[in-house]
């Protein structure tokens, strides 16, 4: 299992993000991932949440780290012209000596689009644009001169040098749980990241993975070279009383009429003692999950990341 750490840019200063990134590299994590948002989730901005730009943060972190992969969770395809984003990823890969990742999604946060003057198209249009962008990324990364005319973008005599250090290009992953986007990822990308942050359900994973493997087979893709990853939150606890409190809080956050049982939450959410989390990760690894990207929620331990690296990884 590969481990990626979600380094949240919300409400953290750059020195905090830098220090955390250096720390998780020293602890043996494979990658760090920055969220790509311009606004915090507090849409009224009552808390005036800090939010640093992902594609400006990552080159800075490239200078401060040595070997950890530098990724996103995930980039919003709507925010950057795909030809320009290909240039940014190529630059990041050169600065970091081959450590850039390109993890991307179709976008969803309507308030954010409106706040920054972007049109907010229909879900179909956003997915269509992302699908076309995947073709553009791969062409720009591998061709000396790109000529392209699609439904949304036209490139004339496009040139992108230097090329990424990684060949043929940095890992290209689509973040989604939707069937159409999974199908696109299985045809065009190197992997899919299943976003199960708010409603994780380990019992449903085999069905999702079976669908991914069906799509890979349909598109004549080798599943051994395709990475299925998971995005989740984990909570380390040190007492049963604390575990009960966390479970109660999770149930409270579910809408009325769809609240799960305590047994369901205990089984399907990533909460527990280190040995509990280690067991759950082994279960999903046996299902076919190759990487987990996560953030440790409020913990009973003073240094939960270090505890996790020593007792779970």
C-alpha atoms as a PDB file:
ATOM      1  CA  UNK A   1       0.000   0.000   0.000  1.00  0.00           C
ATOM      2  CA  UNK A   2       1.169   3.503  -0.858  1.00  0.00           C
ATOM      3  CA  UNK A   3       0.325   6.346   1.525  1.00  0.00           C
ATOM      4  CA  UNK A   4      -0.395   9.919   0.517  1.00  0.00           C
ATOM      5  CA  UNK A   5      -1.075  12.681   3.023  1.00  0.00           C
ATOM      6  CA  UNK A   6      -3.678  15.365   2.425  1.00  0.00           C
ATOM      7  CA  UNK A   7      -1.958  18.623   3.385  1.00  0.00           C
ATOM      8  CA  UNK A   8      -4.917  20.947   3.813  1.00  0.00           C
ATOM      9  CA  UNK A   9      -4.255  24.491   2.681  1.00  0.00           C
ATOM     10  CA  UNK A  10      -7.297  25.760   4.595  1.00  0.00           C
ATOM     11  CA  UNK A  11      -6.518  27.861   7.667  1.00  0.00           C
ATOM     12  CA  UNK A  12      -2.802  27.003   7.615  1.00  0.00           C
ATOM     13  CA  UNK A  13       0.048  29.384   6.983  1.00  0.00           C
ATOM     14  CA  UNK A  14       2.731  28.548   4.424  1.00  0.00           C
ATOM     15  CA  UNK A  15       5.347  27.781   7.135  1.00  0.00           C
ATOM     16  CA  UNK A  16       2.914  25.275   8.709  1.00  0.00           C
ATOM     17  CA  UNK A  17       2.257  23.597   5.342  1.00  0.00           C
ATOM     18  CA  UNK A  18       5.984  23.524   4.558  1.00  0.00           C
ATOM     19  CA  UNK A  19       6.894  21.999   7.918  1.00  0.00           C
ATOM     20  CA  UNK A  20       4.132  19.385   7.691  1.00  0.00           C
ATOM     21  CA  UNK A  21       5.227  18.410   4.166  1.00  0.00           C
ATOM     22  CA  UNK A  22       8.834  17.982   5.287  1.00  0.00           C
ATOM     23  CA  UNK A  23       7.664  15.926   8.247  1.00  0.00           C
ATOM     24  CA  UNK A  24       5.505  13.470   6.281  1.00  0.00           C
ATOM     25  CA  UNK A  25       8.368  12.974   3.816  1.00  0.00           C
ATOM     26  CA  UNK A  26      10.705  12.046   6.680  1.00  0.00           C
ATOM     27  CA  UNK A  27       8.068   9.650   8.041  1.00  0.00           C
ATOM     28  CA  UNK A  28       8.031   7.696   4.781  1.00  0.00           C
ATOM     29  CA  UNK A  29       4.856   8.831   3.028  1.00  0.00           C
ATOM     30  CA  UNK A  30       4.843   8.413  -0.749  1.00  0.00           C
ATOM     31  CA  UNK A  31       3.084  11.669  -1.671  1.00  0.00           C
ATOM     32  CA  UNK A  32       1.540  14.882  -0.429  1.00  0.00           C
ATOM     33  CA  UNK A  33      -1.680  16.268  -1.887  1.00  0.00           C
ATOM     34  CA  UNK A  34      -2.953  19.855  -1.835  1.00  0.00           C
ATOM     35  CA  UNK A  35      -6.634  20.719  -2.271  1.00  0.00           C
ATOM     36  CA  UNK A  36      -7.452  23.002  -5.202  1.00  0.00           C
ATOM     37  CA  UNK A  37      -9.910  25.576  -3.862  1.00  0.00           C
ATOM     38  CA  UNK A  38      -9.995  29.357  -3.875  1.00  0.00           C
ATOM     39  CA  UNK A  39     -12.583  29.638  -1.081  1.00  0.00           C
ATOM     40  CA  UNK A  40     -13.015  27.750   2.156  1.00  0.00           C
ATOM     41  CA  UNK A  41     -16.130  25.681   2.649  1.00  0.00           C
ATOM     42  CA  UNK A  42     -17.488  28.486   4.844  1.00  0.00           C
ATOM     43  CA  UNK A  43     -19.293  30.108   1.904  1.00  0.00           C
ATOM     44  CA  UNK A  44     -20.349  33.143   3.970  1.00  0.00           C
ATOM     45  CA  UNK A  45     -16.665  33.641   4.823  1.00  0.00           C
ATOM     46  CA  UNK A  46     -17.581  34.445   8.410  1.00  0.00           C
ATOM     47  CA  UNK A  47     -14.302  32.846   9.461  1.00  0.00           C
ATOM     48  CA  UNK A  48     -12.292  34.471   6.629  1.00  0.00           C
ATOM     49  CA  UNK A  49     -10.614  31.131   5.959  1.00  0.00           C
ATOM     50  CA  UNK A  50      -7.119  31.146   4.511  1.00  0.00           C
ATOM     51  CA  UNK A  51      -6.732  29.290   1.208  1.00  0.00           C
ATOM     52  CA  UNK A  52      -3.417  29.211  -0.655  1.00  0.00           C
ATOM     53  CA  UNK A  53      -3.270  28.357  -4.358  1.00  0.00           C
ATOM     54  CA  UNK A  54      -2.340  24.721  -5.041  1.00  0.00           C
ATOM     55  CA  UNK A  55      -0.268  25.286  -8.153  1.00  0.00           C
ATOM     56  CA  UNK A  56       1.793  28.019  -6.490  1.00  0.00           C
ATOM     57  CA  UNK A  57       2.270  26.013  -3.294  1.00  0.00           C
ATOM     58  CA  UNK A  58       3.574  22.875  -4.968  1.00  0.00           C
ATOM     59  CA  UNK A  59       6.704  24.398  -6.603  1.00  0.00           C
ATOM     60  CA  UNK A  60       7.601  25.949  -3.242  1.00  0.00           C
ATOM     61  CA  UNK A  61       7.231  22.540  -1.564  1.00  0.00           C
ATOM     62  CA  UNK A  62       9.300  20.982  -4.343  1.00  0.00           C
ATOM     63  CA  UNK A  63      12.243  23.135  -3.239  1.00  0.00           C
ATOM     64  CA  UNK A  64      11.764  22.189   0.428  1.00  0.00           C
ATOM     65  CA  UNK A  65      11.489  18.407  -0.108  1.00  0.00           C
ATOM     66  CA  UNK A  66      13.699  15.789  -1.739  1.00  0.00           C
ATOM     67  CA  UNK A  67      11.835  12.663  -2.794  1.00  0.00           C
ATOM     68  CA  UNK A  68       8.125  12.790  -1.951  1.00  0.00           C
ATOM     69  CA  UNK A  69       5.672  13.002  -4.876  1.00  0.00           C
ATOM     70  CA  UNK A  70       3.817  16.315  -5.230  1.00  0.00           C
ATOM     71  CA  UNK A  71       0.133  16.046  -6.021  1.00  0.00           C
ATOM     72  CA  UNK A  72      -3.331  17.474  -5.682  1.00  0.00           C
ATOM     73  CA  UNK A  73      -6.630  16.202  -4.347  1.00  0.00           C
ATOM     74  CA  UNK A  74      -7.792  17.140  -6.937  1.00  0.00           C
ATOM     75  CA  UNK A  75      -7.256  19.987  -9.422  1.00  0.00           C
ATOM     76  CA  UNK A  76     -10.417  21.582 -10.793  1.00  0.00           C
ATOM     77  CA  UNK A  77     -10.305  21.252 -14.572  1.00  0.00           C
ATOM     78  CA  UNK A  78     -12.380  24.423 -15.032  1.00  0.00           C
ATOM     79  CA  UNK A  79      -9.917  26.743 -13.322  1.00  0.00           C
ATOM     80  CA  UNK A  80      -7.044  26.520 -15.817  1.00  0.00           C
ATOM     81  CA  UNK A  81      -6.814  26.276 -19.579  1.00  0.00           C
ATOM     82  CA  UNK A  82      -5.556  22.694 -20.161  1.00  0.00           C
ATOM     83  CA  UNK A  83      -2.643  23.838 -22.319  1.00  0.00           C
ATOM     84  CA  UNK A  84      -1.568  26.221 -19.557  1.00  0.00           C
ATOM     85  CA  UNK A  85      -1.980  23.565 -16.851  1.00  0.00           C
ATOM     86  CA  UNK A  86       0.169  21.189 -18.914  1.00  0.00           C
ATOM     87  CA  UNK A  87       2.864  23.879 -18.880  1.00  0.00           C
ATOM     88  CA  UNK A  88       2.507  24.297 -15.103  1.00  0.00           C
ATOM     89  CA  UNK A  89       2.791  20.536 -14.484  1.00  0.00           C
ATOM     90  CA  UNK A  90       5.797  20.315 -16.816  1.00  0.00           C
ATOM     91  CA  UNK A  91       7.452  23.127 -14.874  1.00  0.00           C
ATOM     92  CA  UNK A  92       6.679  21.477 -11.518  1.00  0.00           C
ATOM     93  CA  UNK A  93       8.119  18.187 -12.753  1.00  0.00           C
ATOM     94  CA  UNK A  94      11.356  19.911 -13.771  1.00  0.00           C
ATOM     95  CA  UNK A  95      11.653  21.886 -10.530  1.00  0.00           C
ATOM     96  CA  UNK A  96      11.067  18.732  -8.463  1.00  0.00           C
ATOM     97  CA  UNK A  97      13.260  16.453 -10.606  1.00  0.00           C
ATOM     98  CA  UNK A  98      10.395  14.192 -11.656  1.00  0.00           C
ATOM     99  CA  UNK A  99       8.019  14.235  -8.688  1.00  0.00           C
ATOM    100  CA  UNK A 100       4.896  15.932 -10.089  1.00  0.00           C
ATOM    101  CA  UNK A 101       1.464  14.309 -10.173  1.00  0.00           C
ATOM    102  CA  UNK A 102      -1.572  15.436 -12.174  1.00  0.00           C
ATOM    103  CA  UNK A 103      -4.737  14.455 -10.309  1.00  0.00           C
ATOM    104  CA  UNK A 104      -7.796  16.174 -11.695  1.00  0.00           C
ATOM    105  CA  UNK A 105     -11.583  16.372 -11.425  1.00  0.00           C
ATOM    106  CA  UNK A 106     -14.442  18.086 -13.241  1.00  0.00           C
ATOM    107  CA  UNK A 107     -15.239  20.660 -10.508  1.00  0.00           C
ATOM    108  CA  UNK A 108     -18.280  20.953  -8.261  1.00  0.00           C
ATOM    109  CA  UNK A 109     -18.244  23.952  -5.875  1.00  0.00           C
ATOM    110  CA  UNK A 110     -20.672  26.394  -7.530  1.00  0.00           C
ATOM    111  CA  UNK A 111     -20.131  29.260  -5.049  1.00  0.00           C
ATOM    112  CA  UNK A 112     -16.429  29.186  -5.826  1.00  0.00           C
ATOM    113  CA  UNK A 113     -16.982  29.416  -9.585  1.00  0.00           C
ATOM    114  CA  UNK A 114     -19.273  32.415  -9.153  1.00  0.00           C
ATOM    115  CA  UNK A 115     -16.997  34.158  -6.657  1.00  0.00           C
ATOM    116  CA  UNK A 116     -14.106  34.082  -9.134  1.00  0.00           C
ATOM    117  CA  UNK A 117     -16.088  34.901 -12.246  1.00  0.00           C
ATOM    118  CA  UNK A 118     -16.140  31.466 -13.846  1.00  0.00           C
ATOM    119  CA  UNK A 119     -19.288  30.217 -15.586  1.00  0.00           C
ATOM    120  CA  UNK A 120     -20.737  27.161 -13.874  1.00  0.00           C
ATOM    121  CA  UNK A 121     -21.765  24.780 -16.670  1.00  0.00           C
ATOM    122  CA  UNK A 122     -23.981  21.725 -16.338  1.00  0.00           C
ATOM    123  CA  UNK A 123     -22.402  18.558 -14.894  1.00  0.00           C
ATOM    124  CA  UNK A 124     -22.358  17.022 -18.382  1.00  0.00           C
ATOM    125  CA  UNK A 125     -20.526  20.028 -19.838  1.00  0.00           C
ATOM    126  CA  UNK A 126     -17.952  20.006 -17.027  1.00  0.00           C
ATOM    127  CA  UNK A 127     -17.261  16.296 -17.580  1.00  0.00           C
ATOM    128  CA  UNK A 128     -17.108  16.810 -21.358  1.00  0.00           C
ATOM    129  CA  UNK A 129     -14.501  19.548 -20.857  1.00  0.00           C
ATOM    130  CA  UNK A 130     -12.454  17.354 -18.542  1.00  0.00           C
ATOM    131  CA  UNK A 131     -12.550  14.485 -21.037  1.00  0.00           C
ATOM    132  CA  UNK A 132     -11.214  16.727 -23.791  1.00  0.00           C
ATOM    133  CA  UNK A 133      -8.569  18.119 -21.435  1.00  0.00           C
ATOM    134  CA  UNK A 134      -7.167  14.639 -20.774  1.00  0.00           C
ATOM    135  CA  UNK A 135      -6.464  14.262 -24.486  1.00  0.00           C
ATOM    136  CA  UNK A 136      -4.775  17.672 -24.568  1.00  0.00           C
ATOM    137  CA  UNK A 137      -2.551  16.914 -21.557  1.00  0.00           C
ATOM    138  CA  UNK A 138      -1.226  13.706 -23.071  1.00  0.00           C
ATOM    139  CA  UNK A 139      -0.603  15.252 -26.484  1.00  0.00           C
ATOM    140  CA  UNK A 140       1.247  18.254 -25.060  1.00  0.00           C
ATOM    141  CA  UNK A 141       3.392  16.087 -22.790  1.00  0.00           C
ATOM    142  CA  UNK A 142       4.508  13.814 -25.626  1.00  0.00           C
ATOM    143  CA  UNK A 143       4.423  15.809 -28.886  1.00  0.00           C
ATOM    144  CA  UNK A 144       6.971  18.370 -30.064  1.00  0.00           C
ATOM    145  CA  UNK A 145       4.268  20.391 -31.819  1.00  0.00           C
ATOM    146  CA  UNK A 146       0.584  19.966 -31.029  1.00  0.00           C
ATOM    147  CA  UNK A 147      -2.242  20.760 -33.406  1.00  0.00           C
ATOM    148  CA  UNK A 148      -5.628  20.157 -31.820  1.00  0.00           C
ATOM    149  CA  UNK A 149      -9.190  21.184 -32.475  1.00  0.00           C
ATOM    150  CA  UNK A 150     -11.877  19.896 -30.176  1.00  0.00           C
ATOM    151  CA  UNK A 151     -15.278  20.996 -29.006  1.00  0.00           C
ATOM    152  CA  UNK A 152     -13.896  23.412 -26.391  1.00  0.00           C
ATOM    153  CA  UNK A 153     -10.271  24.219 -27.258  1.00  0.00           C
ATOM    154  CA  UNK A 154      -8.197  24.786 -30.358  1.00  0.00           C
ATOM    155  CA  UNK A 155      -4.388  24.711 -30.247  1.00  0.00           C
ATOM    156  CA  UNK A 156      -2.302  25.910 -33.170  1.00  0.00           C
ATOM    157  CA  UNK A 157       1.398  25.079 -33.371  1.00  0.00           C
ATOM    158  CA  UNK A 158       1.510  24.558 -29.619  1.00  0.00           C
ATOM    159  CA  UNK A 159       4.979  23.870 -28.204  1.00  0.00           C
ATOM    160  CA  UNK A 160       5.820  22.899 -24.633  1.00  0.00           C
ATOM    161  CA  UNK A 161       9.450  22.717 -23.583  1.00  0.00           C
ATOM    162  CA  UNK A 162      10.982  21.457 -21.465  1.00  0.00           C
ATOM    163  CA  UNK A 163       8.947  18.281 -21.378  1.00  0.00           C
ATOM    164  CA  UNK A 164       8.228  16.612 -18.030  1.00  0.00           C
ATOM    165  CA  UNK A 165      11.105  14.550 -16.680  1.00  0.00           C
ATOM    166  CA  UNK A 166       8.782  11.605 -16.054  1.00  0.00           C
ATOM    167  CA  UNK A 167       8.090   9.577 -19.188  1.00  0.00           C
ATOM    168  CA  UNK A 168       5.750   9.518 -20.907  1.00  0.00           C
ATOM    169  CA  UNK A 169       4.320  12.055 -18.422  1.00  0.00           C
ATOM    170  CA  UNK A 170       3.447  12.508 -14.724  1.00  0.00           C
ATOM    171  CA  UNK A 171       0.809  10.171 -13.344  1.00  0.00           C
ATOM    172  CA  UNK A 172      -2.623  11.275 -14.587  1.00  0.00           C
ATOM    173  CA  UNK A 173      -5.449  10.393 -12.183  1.00  0.00           C
ATOM    174  CA  UNK A 174      -9.144  11.310 -12.247  1.00  0.00           C
ATOM    175  CA  UNK A 175     -10.863  11.987  -8.927  1.00  0.00           C
ATOM    176  CA  UNK A 176     -14.467  10.783  -8.939  1.00  0.00           C
ATOM    177  CA  UNK A 177     -17.027   8.240  -7.837  1.00  0.00           C
ATOM    178  CA  UNK A 178     -19.300   8.772 -10.869  1.00  0.00           C
ATOM    179  CA  UNK A 179     -19.681   6.009 -13.423  1.00  0.00           C
ATOM    180  CA  UNK A 180     -19.118   8.131 -16.526  1.00  0.00           C
ATOM    181  CA  UNK A 181     -15.961   9.728 -15.134  1.00  0.00           C
ATOM    182  CA  UNK A 182     -14.688   6.332 -13.994  1.00  0.00           C
ATOM    183  CA  UNK A 183     -15.203   5.073 -17.557  1.00  0.00           C
ATOM    184  CA  UNK A 184     -13.271   8.074 -18.934  1.00  0.00           C
ATOM    185  CA  UNK A 185     -10.470   7.476 -16.418  1.00  0.00           C
ATOM    186  CA  UNK A 186     -10.252   3.802 -17.385  1.00  0.00           C
ATOM    187  CA  UNK A 187      -9.901   4.792 -21.031  1.00  0.00           C
ATOM    188  CA  UNK A 188      -7.654   7.867 -20.780  1.00  0.00           C
ATOM    189  CA  UNK A 189      -5.882   8.036 -17.414  1.00  0.00           C
ATOM    190  CA  UNK A 190      -3.422   6.134 -15.234  1.00  0.00           C
ATOM    191  CA  UNK A 191      -5.731   5.746 -12.286  1.00  0.00           C
ATOM    192  CA  UNK A 192      -8.857   6.782 -10.446  1.00  0.00           C
ATOM    193  CA  UNK A 193      -9.115   8.296  -6.974  1.00  0.00           C
ATOM    194  CA  UNK A 194     -12.356   7.365  -5.227  1.00  0.00           C
ATOM    195  CA  UNK A 195     -13.479  10.304  -3.102  1.00  0.00           C
ATOM    196  CA  UNK A 196     -15.134   8.682  -0.093  1.00  0.00           C
ATOM    197  CA  UNK A 197     -14.284  11.481   2.325  1.00  0.00           C
ATOM    198  CA  UNK A 198     -17.740  12.173   3.759  1.00  0.00           C
ATOM    199  CA  UNK A 199     -19.487   8.836   3.296  1.00  0.00           C
ATOM    200  CA  UNK A 200     -16.926   6.021   3.359  1.00  0.00           C
ATOM    201  CA  UNK A 201     -18.371   2.565   2.998  1.00  0.00           C
ATOM    202  CA  UNK A 202     -15.908  -0.302   2.934  1.00  0.00           C
ATOM    203  CA  UNK A 203     -18.727  -2.745   2.198  1.00  0.00           C
ATOM    204  CA  UNK A 204     -19.451  -0.998  -1.133  1.00  0.00           C
ATOM    205  CA  UNK A 205     -15.854  -0.953  -2.346  1.00  0.00           C
ATOM    206  CA  UNK A 206     -15.900  -4.398  -4.040  1.00  0.00           C
ATOM    207  CA  UNK A 207     -18.792  -3.272  -6.266  1.00  0.00           C
ATOM    208  CA  UNK A 208     -16.966  -0.075  -7.229  1.00  0.00           C
ATOM    209  CA  UNK A 209     -13.733  -1.927  -7.931  1.00  0.00           C
ATOM    210  CA  UNK A 210     -15.562  -4.543  -9.989  1.00  0.00           C
ATOM    211  CA  UNK A 211     -17.017  -1.765 -12.148  1.00  0.00           C
ATOM    212  CA  UNK A 212     -13.569  -0.218 -12.628  1.00  0.00           C
ATOM    213  CA  UNK A 213     -12.139  -3.560 -13.712  1.00  0.00           C
ATOM    214  CA  UNK A 214     -15.040  -4.041 -16.141  1.00  0.00           C
ATOM    215  CA  UNK A 215     -14.305  -0.667 -17.744  1.00  0.00           C
ATOM    216  CA  UNK A 216     -10.582  -1.427 -17.951  1.00  0.00           C
ATOM    217  CA  UNK A 217     -11.335  -4.703 -19.694  1.00  0.00           C
ATOM    218  CA  UNK A 218     -13.702  -2.971 -22.139  1.00  0.00           C
ATOM    219  CA  UNK A 219     -10.971  -0.476 -23.081  1.00  0.00           C
ATOM    220  CA  UNK A 220      -8.298  -3.193 -23.307  1.00  0.00           C
ATOM    221  CA  UNK A 221      -6.314  -1.688 -20.454  1.00  0.00           C
ATOM    222  CA  UNK A 222      -3.982  -3.682 -18.239  1.00  0.00           C
ATOM    223  CA  UNK A 223      -5.329  -3.410 -14.698  1.00  0.00           C
ATOM    224  CA  UNK A 224      -1.863  -4.001 -13.216  1.00  0.00           C
ATOM    225  CA  UNK A 225      -0.742  -0.615 -14.541  1.00  0.00           C
ATOM    226  CA  UNK A 226      -3.847   1.235 -13.380  1.00  0.00           C
ATOM    227  CA  UNK A 227      -3.891   2.602  -9.836  1.00  0.00           C
ATOM    228  CA  UNK A 228      -7.095   2.657  -7.803  1.00  0.00           C
ATOM    229  CA  UNK A 229      -6.692   4.971  -4.823  1.00  0.00           C
ATOM    230  CA  UNK A 230      -8.941   6.118  -2.017  1.00  0.00           C
ATOM    231  CA  UNK A 231      -9.437   9.535  -0.423  1.00  0.00           C
ATOM    232  CA  UNK A 232     -10.576   9.335   3.198  1.00  0.00           C
ATOM    233  CA  UNK A 233     -10.330  10.823   6.668  1.00  0.00           C
ATOM    234  CA  UNK A 234      -8.925   8.778   9.534  1.00  0.00           C
ATOM    235  CA  UNK A 235      -9.142   9.241  13.263  1.00  0.00           C
ATOM    236  CA  UNK A 236      -6.778   7.604  15.743  1.00  0.00           C
ATOM    237  CA  UNK A 237      -8.219   7.121  19.231  1.00  0.00           C
ATOM    238  CA  UNK A 238      -6.866   5.683  22.474  1.00  0.00           C
ATOM    239  CA  UNK A 239     -10.012   4.800  24.428  1.00  0.00           C
ATOM    240  CA  UNK A 240     -13.376   3.187  23.751  1.00  0.00           C
ATOM    241  CA  UNK A 241     -15.081   6.212  25.281  1.00  0.00           C
ATOM    242  CA  UNK A 242     -13.405   8.487  22.746  1.00  0.00           C
ATOM    243  CA  UNK A 243     -14.318   6.113  19.907  1.00  0.00           C
ATOM    244  CA  UNK A 244     -17.972   6.259  20.978  1.00  0.00           C
ATOM    245  CA  UNK A 245     -17.849  10.085  20.959  1.00  0.00           C
ATOM    246  CA  UNK A 246     -16.453  10.181  17.422  1.00  0.00           C
ATOM    247  CA  UNK A 247     -19.055   7.699  16.171  1.00  0.00           C
ATOM    248  CA  UNK A 248     -21.853   9.752  17.752  1.00  0.00           C
ATOM    249  CA  UNK A 249     -20.569  12.914  16.057  1.00  0.00           C
ATOM    250  CA  UNK A 250     -20.447  11.197  12.663  1.00  0.00           C
ATOM    251  CA  UNK A 251     -24.005   9.893  13.004  1.00  0.00           C
ATOM    252  CA  UNK A 252     -25.201  13.358  13.982  1.00  0.00           C
ATOM    253  CA  UNK A 253     -23.772  14.781  10.739  1.00  0.00           C
ATOM    254  CA  UNK A 254     -25.836  12.438   8.563  1.00  0.00           C
ATOM    255  CA  UNK A 255     -29.164  13.828   7.246  1.00  0.00           C
ATOM    256  CA  UNK A 256     -32.362  12.833   9.018  1.00  0.00           C
ATOM    257  CA  UNK A 257     -33.784   9.694   7.498  1.00  0.00           C
ATOM    258  CA  UNK A 258     -30.418   8.277   6.448  1.00  0.00           C
ATOM    259  CA  UNK A 259     -28.558   8.010   9.734  1.00  0.00           C
ATOM    260  CA  UNK A 260     -26.474   4.814   9.936  1.00  0.00           C
ATOM    261  CA  UNK A 261     -26.242   2.471  12.875  1.00  0.00           C
ATOM    262  CA  UNK A 262     -23.303   2.633  15.254  1.00  0.00           C
ATOM    263  CA  UNK A 263     -22.199  -0.766  13.965  1.00  0.00           C
ATOM    264  CA  UNK A 264     -22.166   0.514  10.375  1.00  0.00           C
ATOM    265  CA  UNK A 265     -20.039   3.527  11.254  1.00  0.00           C
ATOM    266  CA  UNK A 266     -17.601   1.470  13.318  1.00  0.00           C
ATOM    267  CA  UNK A 267     -17.164  -0.976  10.443  1.00  0.00           C
ATOM    268  CA  UNK A 268     -17.048   1.416   7.492  1.00  0.00           C
ATOM    269  CA  UNK A 269     -15.398   4.595   8.771  1.00  0.00           C
ATOM    270  CA  UNK A 270     -11.670   4.835   9.418  1.00  0.00           C
ATOM    271  CA  UNK A 271     -11.842   5.309  13.179  1.00  0.00           C
ATOM    272  CA  UNK A 272     -10.051   3.337  15.811  1.00  0.00           C
ATOM    273  CA  UNK A 273      -6.930   2.271  17.590  1.00  0.00           C
ATOM    274  CA  UNK A 274      -3.833   1.916  15.389  1.00  0.00           C
ATOM    275  CA  UNK A 275      -4.412  -1.825  15.077  1.00  0.00           C
ATOM    276  CA  UNK A 276      -8.014  -1.170  13.927  1.00  0.00           C
ATOM    277  CA  UNK A 277      -6.875   1.129  11.129  1.00  0.00           C
ATOM    278  CA  UNK A 278      -4.123  -1.269  10.114  1.00  0.00           C
ATOM    279  CA  UNK A 279      -6.693  -4.058   9.780  1.00  0.00           C
ATOM    280  CA  UNK A 280      -9.093  -1.929   7.713  1.00  0.00           C
ATOM    281  CA  UNK A 281      -6.295  -0.814   5.381  1.00  0.00           C
ATOM    282  CA  UNK A 282      -5.296  -4.444   4.870  1.00  0.00           C
ATOM    283  CA  UNK A 283      -8.899  -5.259   3.946  1.00  0.00           C
ATOM    284  CA  UNK A 284      -9.127  -2.571   1.269  1.00  0.00           C
ATOM    285  CA  UNK A 285      -5.654  -3.434  -0.035  1.00  0.00           C
ATOM    286  CA  UNK A 286      -6.819  -7.012  -0.580  1.00  0.00           C
ATOM    287  CA  UNK A 287      -9.801  -5.609  -2.515  1.00  0.00           C
ATOM    288  CA  UNK A 288      -7.479  -3.866  -4.971  1.00  0.00           C
ATOM    289  CA  UNK A 289      -6.855  -0.394  -3.492  1.00  0.00           C
ATOM    290  CA  UNK A 290      -3.212   0.490  -4.195  1.00  0.00           C
ATOM    291  CA  UNK A 291      -2.955   3.860  -2.445  1.00  0.00           C
ATOM    292  CA  UNK A 292      -4.809   5.733   0.261  1.00  0.00           C
ATOM    293  CA  UNK A 293      -4.672   9.529   0.524  1.00  0.00           C
ATOM    294  CA  UNK A 294      -5.917  10.708   3.880  1.00  0.00           C
ATOM    295  CA  UNK A 295      -5.977  13.335   6.555  1.00  0.00           C
ATOM    296  CA  UNK A 296      -5.916  12.530  10.259  1.00  0.00           C
ATOM    297  CA  UNK A 297      -8.824  14.169  12.032  1.00  0.00           C
ATOM    298  CA  UNK A 298      -8.817  15.350  15.632  1.00  0.00           C
ATOM    299  CA  UNK A 299      -6.805  12.767  17.515  1.00  0.00           C
ATOM    300  CA  UNK A 300      -6.140  11.766  21.103  1.00  0.00           C
ATOM    301  CA  UNK A 301      -2.434  11.605  20.319  1.00  0.00           C
ATOM    302  CA  UNK A 302      -0.137  14.591  20.454  1.00  0.00           C
ATOM    303  CA  UNK A 303       1.612  13.441  17.287  1.00  0.00           C
ATOM    304  CA  UNK A 304      -0.915  11.325  15.430  1.00  0.00           C
ATOM    305  CA  UNK A 305       0.996  11.375  12.124  1.00  0.00           C
ATOM    306  CA  UNK A 306       4.084   9.889  13.749  1.00  0.00           C
ATOM    307  CA  UNK A 307       1.993   7.287  15.589  1.00  0.00           C
ATOM    308  CA  UNK A 308       0.313   6.371  12.292  1.00  0.00           C
ATOM    309  CA  UNK A 309       3.621   6.006  10.461  1.00  0.00           C
ATOM    310  CA  UNK A 310       5.073   3.752  13.163  1.00  0.00           C
ATOM    311  CA  UNK A 311       2.074   1.597  14.065  1.00  0.00           C
ATOM    312  CA  UNK A 312      -0.120   1.537  10.944  1.00  0.00           C
ATOM    313  CA  UNK A 313       2.039   1.963   7.836  1.00  0.00           C
END
